[in-house]
Amino acid sequence: MIAQTEIRQLPLPEKLALLEAVWAELAADPDTVEVPQWHKDILDERQQLLDQGSLQTLDWELAKEQINRMVR
């Protein structure tokens, strides 16, 4: 396992790559990840706002571009 002190020393692009790798591993078998009730509640609330037209959305590709610009 990689130690937190090692992670702290990584440059930001490597930290993000590590995060993406961990996320990809978790996403490969989503049934093994337990979602806490508080998170389900937030998702339900956001879905309700979306259904009501009270929530603005952003295309995922555009969102990723904006995030990438913010971290560079």
C-alpha atoms as a PDB file:
ATOM      1  CA  MET A   1       0.000   0.000   0.000  1.00  0.00           C
ATOM      2  CA  ILE A   2       1.183   3.520  -0.721  1.00  0.00           C
ATOM      3  CA  ALA A   3       1.723   5.629   2.393  1.00  0.00           C
ATOM      4  CA  GLN A   4       0.034   8.977   2.836  1.00  0.00           C
ATOM      5  CA  THR A   5       3.442  10.627   3.165  1.00  0.00           C
ATOM      6  CA  GLU A   6       4.357   9.279  -0.275  1.00  0.00           C
ATOM      7  CA  ILE A   7       1.112  10.585  -1.739  1.00  0.00           C
ATOM      8  CA  ARG A   8       1.752  13.994  -0.215  1.00  0.00           C
ATOM      9  CA  GLN A   9       5.085  14.187  -2.059  1.00  0.00           C
ATOM     10  CA  LEU A  10       3.602  13.431  -5.476  1.00  0.00           C
ATOM     11  CA  PRO A  11       3.087  16.284  -7.943  1.00  0.00           C
ATOM     12  CA  LEU A  12      -0.549  17.150  -8.603  1.00  0.00           C
ATOM     13  CA  PRO A  13      -0.780  15.395 -12.003  1.00  0.00           C
ATOM     14  CA  GLU A  14       0.453  12.151 -10.413  1.00  0.00           C
ATOM     15  CA  LYS A  15      -2.002  12.523  -7.510  1.00  0.00           C
ATOM     16  CA  LEU A  16      -4.824  12.929 -10.000  1.00  0.00           C
ATOM     17  CA  ALA A  17      -3.647   9.918 -11.994  1.00  0.00           C
ATOM     18  CA  LEU A  18      -3.570   7.869  -8.798  1.00  0.00           C
ATOM     19  CA  LEU A  19      -7.050   9.047  -7.910  1.00  0.00           C
ATOM     20  CA  GLU A  20      -8.320   8.138 -11.377  1.00  0.00           C
ATOM     21  CA  ALA A  21      -6.751   4.672 -11.085  1.00  0.00           C
ATOM     22  CA  VAL A  22      -8.408   4.043  -7.729  1.00  0.00           C
ATOM     23  CA  TRP A  23     -11.731   5.302  -9.047  1.00  0.00           C
ATOM     24  CA  ALA A  24     -11.467   3.061 -12.114  1.00  0.00           C
ATOM     25  CA  GLU A  25     -10.791   0.076  -9.864  1.00  0.00           C
ATOM     26  CA  LEU A  26     -13.831   0.860  -7.706  1.00  0.00           C
ATOM     27  CA  ALA A  27     -16.016   1.486 -10.756  1.00  0.00           C
ATOM     28  CA  ALA A  28     -15.008  -1.863 -12.266  1.00  0.00           C
ATOM     29  CA  ASP A  29     -17.151  -3.655  -9.673  1.00  0.00           C
ATOM     30  CA  PRO A  30     -19.653  -1.109  -8.300  1.00  0.00           C
ATOM     31  CA  ASP A  31     -21.615  -3.737  -6.387  1.00  0.00           C
ATOM     32  CA  THR A  32     -18.744  -4.032  -3.910  1.00  0.00           C
ATOM     33  CA  VAL A  33     -18.980  -0.361  -2.937  1.00  0.00           C
ATOM     34  CA  GLU A  34     -21.591   0.352  -0.287  1.00  0.00           C
ATOM     35  CA  VAL A  35     -23.282   3.725  -0.703  1.00  0.00           C
ATOM     36  CA  PRO A  36     -24.147   5.346   2.644  1.00  0.00           C
ATOM     37  CA  GLN A  37     -27.738   6.456   3.194  1.00  0.00           C
ATOM     38  CA  TRP A  38     -26.787  10.138   3.506  1.00  0.00           C
ATOM     39  CA  HIS A  39     -25.302   9.964   0.012  1.00  0.00           C
ATOM     40  CA  LYS A  40     -28.404   8.284  -1.380  1.00  0.00           C
ATOM     41  CA  ASP A  41     -30.492  11.060   0.211  1.00  0.00           C
ATOM     42  CA  ILE A  42     -28.421  13.750  -1.518  1.00  0.00           C
ATOM     43  CA  LEU A  43     -28.714  11.965  -4.859  1.00  0.00           C
ATOM     44  CA  ASP A  44     -32.486  11.621  -4.410  1.00  0.00           C
ATOM     45  CA  GLU A  45     -32.750  15.334  -3.601  1.00  0.00           C
ATOM     46  CA  ARG A  46     -30.724  16.287  -6.668  1.00  0.00           C
ATOM     47  CA  GLN A  47     -32.801  13.993  -8.874  1.00  0.00           C
ATOM     48  CA  GLN A  48     -35.956  15.669  -7.557  1.00  0.00           C
ATOM     49  CA  LEU A  49     -34.510  19.122  -8.320  1.00  0.00           C
ATOM     50  CA  LEU A  50     -33.538  17.932 -11.785  1.00  0.00           C
ATOM     51  CA  ASP A  51     -37.035  16.548 -12.392  1.00  0.00           C
ATOM     52  CA  GLN A  52     -38.514  19.898 -11.307  1.00  0.00           C
ATOM     53  CA  GLY A  53     -36.200  21.801 -13.635  1.00  0.00           C
ATOM     54  CA  SER A  54     -34.613  23.598 -10.667  1.00  0.00           C
ATOM     55  CA  LEU A  55     -31.118  22.283 -11.239  1.00  0.00           C
ATOM     56  CA  GLN A  56     -28.672  23.400 -13.898  1.00  0.00           C
ATOM     57  CA  THR A  57     -26.619  20.690 -15.521  1.00  0.00           C
ATOM     58  CA  LEU A  58     -23.423  20.686 -17.499  1.00  0.00           C
ATOM     59  CA  ASP A  59     -22.330  18.278 -20.215  1.00  0.00           C
ATOM     60  CA  TRP A  60     -19.822  15.826 -18.683  1.00  0.00           C
ATOM     61  CA  GLU A  61     -17.153  16.471 -21.330  1.00  0.00           C
ATOM     62  CA  LEU A  62     -17.404  20.233 -20.760  1.00  0.00           C
ATOM     63  CA  ALA A  63     -17.295  19.710 -16.982  1.00  0.00           C
ATOM     64  CA  LYS A  64     -14.125  17.628 -17.287  1.00  0.00           C
ATOM     65  CA  GLU A  65     -12.523  20.338 -19.444  1.00  0.00           C
ATOM     66  CA  GLN A  66     -13.351  22.977 -16.829  1.00  0.00           C
ATOM     67  CA  ILE A  67     -11.964  20.806 -14.024  1.00  0.00           C
ATOM     68  CA  ASN A  68      -8.775  20.151 -15.974  1.00  0.00           C
ATOM     69  CA  ARG A  69      -8.303  23.894 -16.559  1.00  0.00           C
ATOM     70  CA  MET A  70      -8.794  24.581 -12.842  1.00  0.00           C
ATOM     71  CA  VAL A  71      -6.132  22.092 -11.732  1.00  0.00           C
ATOM     72  CA  ARG A  72      -3.472  23.116 -14.225  1.00  0.00           C
END
